[in-house]
C-alpha atoms as a PDB file:
ATOM      1  CA  UNK A   1      60.321 141.164 106.966  1.00  0.00           C
ATOM      2  CA  UNK A   2      61.940 142.056 110.276  1.00  0.00           C
ATOM      3  CA  UNK A   3      63.431 138.903 111.197  1.00  0.00           C
ATOM      4  CA  UNK A   4      64.835 138.713 114.794  1.00  0.00           C
ATOM      5  CA  UNK A   5      68.243 137.350 115.112  1.00  0.00           C
ATOM      6  CA  UNK A   6      68.326 136.656 111.435  1.00  0.00           C
ATOM      7  CA  UNK A   7      72.185 136.148 111.463  1.00  0.00           C
ATOM      8  CA  UNK A   8      71.965 133.439 114.175  1.00  0.00           C
ATOM      9  CA  UNK A   9      69.142 131.709 112.302  1.00  0.00           C
ATOM     10  CA  UNK A  10      71.028 131.606 109.010  1.00  0.00           C
ATOM     11  CA  UNK A  11      74.048 130.429 110.835  1.00  0.00           C
ATOM     12  CA  UNK A  12      72.288 127.564 112.544  1.00  0.00           C
ATOM     13  CA  UNK A  13      70.687 126.483 109.360  1.00  0.00           C
ATOM     14  CA  UNK A  14      73.831 126.473 107.385  1.00  0.00           C
ATOM     15  CA  UNK A  15      75.178 123.919 110.062  1.00  0.00           C
ATOM     16  CA  UNK A  16      72.088 121.888 109.680  1.00  0.00           C
ATOM     17  CA  UNK A  17      72.311 122.095 105.714  1.00  0.00           C
ATOM     18  CA  UNK A  18      75.996 121.083 105.743  1.00  0.00           C
ATOM     19  CA  UNK A  19      75.057 117.914 107.966  1.00  0.00           C
ATOM     20  CA  UNK A  20      72.477 117.122 105.410  1.00  0.00           C
ATOM     21  CA  UNK A  21      74.733 117.488 102.539  1.00  0.00           C
ATOM     22  CA  UNK A  22      76.998 114.890 104.028  1.00  0.00           C
ATOM     23  CA  UNK A  23      74.781 112.322 102.459  1.00  0.00           C
ATOM     24  CA  UNK A  24      75.869 113.659  99.030  1.00  0.00           C
ATOM     25  CA  UNK A  25      79.336 113.830 100.148  1.00  0.00           C
ATOM     26  CA  UNK A  26      79.431 110.026 101.035  1.00  0.00           C
ATOM     27  CA  UNK A  27      78.036 109.354  97.416  1.00  0.00           C
ATOM     28  CA  UNK A  28      80.543 111.568  95.589  1.00  0.00           C
ATOM     29  CA  UNK A  29      82.832 109.676  93.396  1.00  0.00           C
ATOM     30  CA  UNK A  30      84.438 109.787  89.971  1.00  0.00           C
ATOM     31  CA  UNK A  31      82.202 107.142  88.426  1.00  0.00           C
ATOM     32  CA  UNK A  32      79.778 108.331  85.594  1.00  0.00           C
ATOM     33  CA  UNK A  33      77.438 105.643  84.668  1.00  0.00           C
ATOM     34  CA  UNK A  34      75.142 107.805  82.691  1.00  0.00           C
ATOM     35  CA  UNK A  35      76.774 110.852  80.985  1.00  0.00           C
ATOM     36  CA  UNK A  36      73.457 112.614  80.561  1.00  0.00           C
ATOM     37  CA  UNK A  37      72.537 112.819  84.292  1.00  0.00           C
ATOM     38  CA  UNK A  38      74.119 114.634  87.019  1.00  0.00           C
ATOM     39  CA  UNK A  39      76.256 112.643  89.656  1.00  0.00           C
ATOM     40  CA  UNK A  40      76.576 113.304  93.369  1.00  0.00           C
ATOM     41  CA  UNK A  41      79.782 114.986  92.689  1.00  0.00           C
ATOM     42  CA  UNK A  42      77.994 117.366  90.135  1.00  0.00           C
ATOM     43  CA  UNK A  43      75.684 118.346  92.749  1.00  0.00           C
ATOM     44  CA  UNK A  44      78.332 119.141  95.205  1.00  0.00           C
ATOM     45  CA  UNK A  45      80.211 121.299  92.763  1.00  0.00           C
ATOM     46  CA  UNK A  46      77.041 123.256  91.869  1.00  0.00           C
ATOM     47  CA  UNK A  47      76.187 123.775  95.574  1.00  0.00           C
ATOM     48  CA  UNK A  48      79.706 124.901  96.273  1.00  0.00           C
ATOM     49  CA  UNK A  49      79.583 127.402  93.359  1.00  0.00           C
ATOM     50  CA  UNK A  50      76.431 128.973  94.549  1.00  0.00           C
ATOM     51  CA  UNK A  51      77.556 129.330  97.990  1.00  0.00           C
ATOM     52  CA  UNK A  52      80.690 131.180  97.081  1.00  0.00           C
ATOM     53  CA  UNK A  53      78.401 133.235  94.954  1.00  0.00           C
ATOM     54  CA  UNK A  54      76.077 134.007  97.660  1.00  0.00           C
ATOM     55  CA  UNK A  55      78.998 134.908  99.991  1.00  0.00           C
ATOM     56  CA  UNK A  56      80.361 137.514  97.231  1.00  0.00           C
ATOM     57  CA  UNK A  57      76.533 138.912  97.157  1.00  0.00           C
ATOM     58  CA  UNK A  58      76.398 139.389 100.818  1.00  0.00           C
ATOM     59  CA  UNK A  59      79.868 140.934 101.032  1.00  0.00           C
ATOM     60  CA  UNK A  60      78.763 143.580  98.106  1.00  0.00           C
ATOM     61  CA  UNK A  61      75.588 144.399 100.101  1.00  0.00           C
ATOM     62  CA  UNK A  62      77.464 144.896 103.436  1.00  0.00           C
ATOM     63  CA  UNK A  63      80.269 146.989 101.842  1.00  0.00           C
ATOM     64  CA  UNK A  64      77.953 148.979  99.412  1.00  0.00           C
ATOM     65  CA  UNK A  65      79.727 147.591  96.325  1.00  0.00           C
ATOM     66  CA  UNK A  66      78.041 146.262  93.147  1.00  0.00           C
ATOM     67  CA  UNK A  67      76.747 142.715  93.601  1.00  0.00           C
ATOM     68  CA  UNK A  68      77.536 139.857  91.008  1.00  0.00           C
ATOM     69  CA  UNK A  69      74.825 139.342  88.435  1.00  0.00           C
ATOM     70  CA  UNK A  70      74.019 136.177  86.433  1.00  0.00           C
ATOM     71  CA  UNK A  71      71.810 136.511  83.259  1.00  0.00           C
ATOM     72  CA  UNK A  72      71.493 132.892  82.410  1.00  0.00           C
ATOM     73  CA  UNK A  73      71.526 130.723  85.531  1.00  0.00           C
ATOM     74  CA  UNK A  74      70.945 127.650  83.588  1.00  0.00           C
ATOM     75  CA  UNK A  75      73.965 128.380  81.245  1.00  0.00           C
ATOM     76  CA  UNK A  76      76.091 129.067  84.421  1.00  0.00           C
ATOM     77  CA  UNK A  77      75.179 125.727  85.838  1.00  0.00           C
ATOM     78  CA  UNK A  78      76.098 123.797  82.830  1.00  0.00           C
ATOM     79  CA  UNK A  79      79.754 125.687  82.819  1.00  0.00           C
ATOM     80  CA  UNK A  80      80.109 124.843  86.406  1.00  0.00           C
ATOM     81  CA  UNK A  81      79.268 121.235  85.670  1.00  0.00           C
ATOM     82  CA  UNK A  82      81.570 121.056  82.732  1.00  0.00           C
ATOM     83  CA  UNK A  83      84.431 122.659  84.580  1.00  0.00           C
ATOM     84  CA  UNK A  84      84.235 120.080  87.540  1.00  0.00           C
ATOM     85  CA  UNK A  85      83.430 117.056  85.345  1.00  0.00           C
ATOM     86  CA  UNK A  86      86.855 115.864  85.234  1.00  0.00           C
ATOM     87  CA  UNK A  87      88.120 116.963  88.723  1.00  0.00           C
ATOM     88  CA  UNK A  88      88.918 114.447  91.276  1.00  0.00           C
ATOM     89  CA  UNK A  89      85.823 113.819  93.590  1.00  0.00           C
ATOM     90  CA  UNK A  90      87.923 114.595  96.552  1.00  0.00           C
ATOM     91  CA  UNK A  91      88.842 117.915  95.277  1.00  0.00           C
ATOM     92  CA  UNK A  92      85.371 118.734  94.567  1.00  0.00           C
ATOM     93  CA  UNK A  93      84.279 117.591  98.194  1.00  0.00           C
ATOM     94  CA  UNK A  94      86.903 119.637  99.809  1.00  0.00           C
ATOM     95  CA  UNK A  95      85.750 122.749  97.716  1.00  0.00           C
ATOM     96  CA  UNK A  96      82.070 122.090  98.920  1.00  0.00           C
ATOM     97  CA  UNK A  97      83.260 122.009 102.592  1.00  0.00           C
ATOM     98  CA  UNK A  98      85.344 125.123 102.175  1.00  0.00           C
ATOM     99  CA  UNK A  99      82.475 126.967 100.681  1.00  0.00           C
ATOM    100  CA  UNK A 100      80.447 126.552 103.732  1.00  0.00           C
ATOM    101  CA  UNK A 101      83.032 128.210 105.882  1.00  0.00           C
ATOM    102  CA  UNK A 102      83.283 131.158 103.330  1.00  0.00           C
ATOM    103  CA  UNK A 103      79.505 131.534 103.359  1.00  0.00           C
ATOM    104  CA  UNK A 104      79.271 131.368 107.107  1.00  0.00           C
ATOM    105  CA  UNK A 105      82.114 134.120 107.259  1.00  0.00           C
ATOM    106  CA  UNK A 106      80.092 136.327 104.915  1.00  0.00           C
ATOM    107  CA  UNK A 107      76.983 135.849 106.994  1.00  0.00           C
ATOM    108  CA  UNK A 108      78.728 136.501 110.222  1.00  0.00           C
ATOM    109  CA  UNK A 109      80.469 139.740 108.963  1.00  0.00           C
ATOM    110  CA  UNK A 110      76.772 141.134 108.246  1.00  0.00           C
ATOM    111  CA  UNK A 111      74.456 142.512 110.642  1.00  0.00           C
ATOM    112  CA  UNK A 112      70.879 141.553 110.681  1.00  0.00           C
ATOM    113  CA  UNK A 113      70.253 144.993 108.959  1.00  0.00           C
ATOM    114  CA  UNK A 114      72.687 144.086 106.196  1.00  0.00           C
ATOM    115  CA  UNK A 115      70.765 140.762 105.682  1.00  0.00           C
ATOM    116  CA  UNK A 116      67.664 142.562 105.266  1.00  0.00           C
ATOM    117  CA  UNK A 117      68.737 145.028 102.718  1.00  0.00           C
ATOM    118  CA  UNK A 118      67.132 144.670  99.095  1.00  0.00           C
ATOM    119  CA  UNK A 119      69.261 143.887  96.358  1.00  0.00           C
ATOM    120  CA  UNK A 120      68.686 143.779  92.624  1.00  0.00           C
ATOM    121  CA  UNK A 121      70.069 140.271  91.987  1.00  0.00           C
ATOM    122  CA  UNK A 122      66.879 138.364  90.994  1.00  0.00           C
ATOM    123  CA  UNK A 123      68.556 134.837  92.177  1.00  0.00           C
ATOM    124  CA  UNK A 124      68.439 136.134  95.743  1.00  0.00           C
ATOM    125  CA  UNK A 125      65.006 137.735  95.584  1.00  0.00           C
ATOM    126  CA  UNK A 126      63.731 140.880  97.011  1.00  0.00           C
ATOM    127  CA  UNK A 127      65.907 140.326 100.272  1.00  0.00           C
ATOM    128  CA  UNK A 128      69.155 138.817 101.115  1.00  0.00           C
ATOM    129  CA  UNK A 129      67.861 137.243 104.209  1.00  0.00           C
ATOM    130  CA  UNK A 130      64.809 135.922 102.693  1.00  0.00           C
ATOM    131  CA  UNK A 131      62.789 135.912  99.544  1.00  0.00           C
ATOM    132  CA  UNK A 132      61.044 133.502  97.142  1.00  0.00           C
ATOM    133  CA  UNK A 133      64.158 132.325  95.537  1.00  0.00           C
ATOM    134  CA  UNK A 134      66.530 132.868  98.452  1.00  0.00           C
ATOM    135  CA  UNK A 135      70.072 131.856  97.605  1.00  0.00           C
ATOM    136  CA  UNK A 136      72.027 133.876 100.285  1.00  0.00           C
ATOM    137  CA  UNK A 137      71.999 130.716 102.705  1.00  0.00           C
ATOM    138  CA  UNK A 138      72.268 128.423  99.555  1.00  0.00           C
ATOM    139  CA  UNK A 139      69.605 125.824 101.006  1.00  0.00           C
ATOM    140  CA  UNK A 140      68.717 124.276  97.585  1.00  0.00           C
ATOM    141  CA  UNK A 141      65.995 121.933  98.233  1.00  0.00           C
ATOM    142  CA  UNK A 142      65.886 120.839  94.650  1.00  0.00           C
ATOM    143  CA  UNK A 143      69.489 119.520  94.778  1.00  0.00           C
ATOM    144  CA  UNK A 144      68.554 116.787  97.377  1.00  0.00           C
ATOM    145  CA  UNK A 145      65.122 116.042  95.890  1.00  0.00           C
ATOM    146  CA  UNK A 146      66.234 116.003  92.408  1.00  0.00           C
ATOM    147  CA  UNK A 147      69.053 113.509  93.480  1.00  0.00           C
ATOM    148  CA  UNK A 148      66.750 111.200  95.300  1.00  0.00           C
ATOM    149  CA  UNK A 149      64.020 111.464  92.440  1.00  0.00           C
ATOM    150  CA  UNK A 150      66.482 110.718  89.867  1.00  0.00           C
ATOM    151  CA  UNK A 151      67.554 107.498  91.773  1.00  0.00           C
ATOM    152  CA  UNK A 152      63.960 106.584  92.158  1.00  0.00           C
ATOM    153  CA  UNK A 153      64.212 106.820  95.980  1.00  0.00           C
ATOM    154  CA  UNK A 154      60.820 108.133  96.753  1.00  0.00           C
ATOM    155  CA  UNK A 155      61.235 107.508 100.525  1.00  0.00           C
ATOM    156  CA  UNK A 156      64.539 109.683 100.748  1.00  0.00           C
ATOM    157  CA  UNK A 157      62.893 112.364  98.604  1.00  0.00           C
ATOM    158  CA  UNK A 158      60.038 112.595 101.042  1.00  0.00           C
ATOM    159  CA  UNK A 159      62.286 112.822 103.870  1.00  0.00           C
ATOM    160  CA  UNK A 160      64.386 115.609 102.190  1.00  0.00           C
ATOM    161  CA  UNK A 161      61.082 117.466 101.684  1.00  0.00           C
ATOM    162  CA  UNK A 162      60.184 117.158 105.355  1.00  0.00           C
ATOM    163  CA  UNK A 163      63.672 118.246 106.436  1.00  0.00           C
ATOM    164  CA  UNK A 164      63.392 121.348 104.451  1.00  0.00           C
ATOM    165  CA  UNK A 165      59.859 122.090 105.589  1.00  0.00           C
ATOM    166  CA  UNK A 166      61.318 121.926 109.243  1.00  0.00           C
ATOM    167  CA  UNK A 167      64.090 124.201 108.426  1.00  0.00           C
ATOM    168  CA  UNK A 168      61.720 126.796 106.895  1.00  0.00           C
ATOM    169  CA  UNK A 169      59.356 126.547 109.761  1.00  0.00           C
ATOM    170  CA  UNK A 170      62.122 126.883 112.449  1.00  0.00           C
ATOM    171  CA  UNK A 171      64.335 129.626 110.528  1.00  0.00           C
ATOM    172  CA  UNK A 172      61.893 131.957 108.782  1.00  0.00           C
ATOM    173  CA  UNK A 173      58.615 133.891 109.476  1.00  0.00           C
ATOM    174  CA  UNK A 174      58.138 135.012 106.049  1.00  0.00           C
ATOM    175  CA  UNK A 175      54.803 133.214 104.637  1.00  0.00           C
ATOM    176  CA  UNK A 176      56.074 132.706 101.231  1.00  0.00           C
ATOM    177  CA  UNK A 177      59.139 130.594 102.252  1.00  0.00           C
ATOM    178  CA  UNK A 178      56.937 128.363 104.605  1.00  0.00           C
ATOM    179  CA  UNK A 179      54.311 128.114 101.849  1.00  0.00           C
ATOM    180  CA  UNK A 180      56.633 126.864  99.371  1.00  0.00           C
ATOM    181  CA  UNK A 181      58.140 124.133 101.634  1.00  0.00           C
ATOM    182  CA  UNK A 182      54.437 122.972 102.455  1.00  0.00           C
ATOM    183  CA  UNK A 183      53.416 122.993  98.843  1.00  0.00           C
ATOM    184  CA  UNK A 184      56.606 121.035  97.601  1.00  0.00           C
ATOM    185  CA  UNK A 185      55.895 118.345 100.164  1.00  0.00           C
ATOM    186  CA  UNK A 186      52.012 118.016  99.475  1.00  0.00           C
ATOM    187  CA  UNK A 187      52.873 118.003  95.658  1.00  0.00           C
ATOM    188  CA  UNK A 188      55.274 114.980  96.284  1.00  0.00           C
ATOM    189  CA  UNK A 189      52.608 113.038  98.197  1.00  0.00           C
ATOM    190  CA  UNK A 190      50.004 113.859  95.639  1.00  0.00           C
ATOM    191  CA  UNK A 191      52.180 112.565  92.993  1.00  0.00           C
ATOM    192  CA  UNK A 192      52.844 109.315  94.862  1.00  0.00           C
ATOM    193  CA  UNK A 193      48.946 108.889  94.988  1.00  0.00           C
ATOM    194  CA  UNK A 194      48.790 109.743  98.740  1.00  0.00           C
ATOM    195  CA  UNK A 195      46.193 112.558  98.259  1.00  0.00           C
ATOM    196  CA  UNK A 196      44.893 112.469 101.809  1.00  0.00           C
ATOM    197  CA  UNK A 197      48.212 112.934 103.246  1.00  0.00           C
ATOM    198  CA  UNK A 198      48.929 115.816 100.776  1.00  0.00           C
ATOM    199  CA  UNK A 199      45.860 117.760 101.881  1.00  0.00           C
ATOM    200  CA  UNK A 200      47.146 119.266 105.008  1.00  0.00           C
ATOM    201  CA  UNK A 201      50.309 120.460 103.568  1.00  0.00           C
ATOM    202  CA  UNK A 202      48.422 122.005 100.376  1.00  0.00           C
ATOM    203  CA  UNK A 203      45.984 123.662 102.578  1.00  0.00           C
ATOM    204  CA  UNK A 204      48.539 125.225 104.734  1.00  0.00           C
ATOM    205  CA  UNK A 205      50.501 126.400 101.609  1.00  0.00           C
ATOM    206  CA  UNK A 206      47.258 127.996 100.148  1.00  0.00           C
ATOM    207  CA  UNK A 207      46.764 129.738 103.403  1.00  0.00           C
ATOM    208  CA  UNK A 208      50.324 131.236 103.416  1.00  0.00           C
ATOM    209  CA  UNK A 209      50.518 131.957  99.761  1.00  0.00           C
ATOM    210  CA  UNK A 210      47.020 131.814  97.907  1.00  0.00           C
ATOM    211  CA  UNK A 211      48.388 132.121  94.448  1.00  0.00           C
ATOM    212  CA  UNK A 212      49.857 128.569  94.855  1.00  0.00           C
ATOM    213  CA  UNK A 213      46.361 127.199  94.274  1.00  0.00           C
ATOM    214  CA  UNK A 214      47.106 127.973  90.519  1.00  0.00           C
ATOM    215  CA  UNK A 215      50.150 125.769  90.877  1.00  0.00           C
ATOM    216  CA  UNK A 216      48.135 123.082  92.118  1.00  0.00           C
ATOM    217  CA  UNK A 217      45.410 123.153  89.607  1.00  0.00           C
ATOM    218  CA  UNK A 218      48.127 122.825  86.863  1.00  0.00           C
ATOM    219  CA  UNK A 219      49.991 120.158  88.775  1.00  0.00           C
ATOM    220  CA  UNK A 220      53.157 122.320  88.929  1.00  0.00           C
ATOM    221  CA  UNK A 221      55.627 122.873  91.679  1.00  0.00           C
ATOM    222  CA  UNK A 222      57.851 126.084  92.494  1.00  0.00           C
ATOM    223  CA  UNK A 223      61.287 126.126  91.240  1.00  0.00           C
ATOM    224  CA  UNK A 224      62.598 126.384  94.637  1.00  0.00           C
ATOM    225  CA  UNK A 225      61.182 125.857  98.056  1.00  0.00           C
END
């Protein structure tokens, strides 16, 4: 992938992502009505951790040092959630805001060439600047969608999917990135019984990433969009 002005696009998308995340920030508090479910505060802590992690990876790629590595992402996510469980919501929110600044600095320190260098960390994918599970910009579609779905807010979940698709279309030319955004929205609409509305999005995703047809046949969705 030879993205033009990749750094600029990533920084612009970080700004848009932070604005969108303000929805979780407003909801984040110290209440935990269901101990088995993540709260808005949990999601904010999760996002902040991975943004800082992404900043470390970018710095390692830029400086030619060893990038951090995670063998068990689910286990680490559980550790992050446990570590922040009893922290005051305001402290978690401040960390989340600060993590955006840290990641933006790490991106800004890189050249477009740095951002396109390959890495061995599977969480970022084949390229720092774009990949099937891109985590360098830390735009985790699943966080907002999972939150809204857990609250039973299908309309908000749909809007989150639409927002993510718009970001993908505006910021990336890599077909797989755009395909996942279109597929996820089509999947949501189909699950809601709106098959006709889902067709254009699913069709586009298949054109960009043909192997997503198998996902559609089994009713699955990609882990990340």
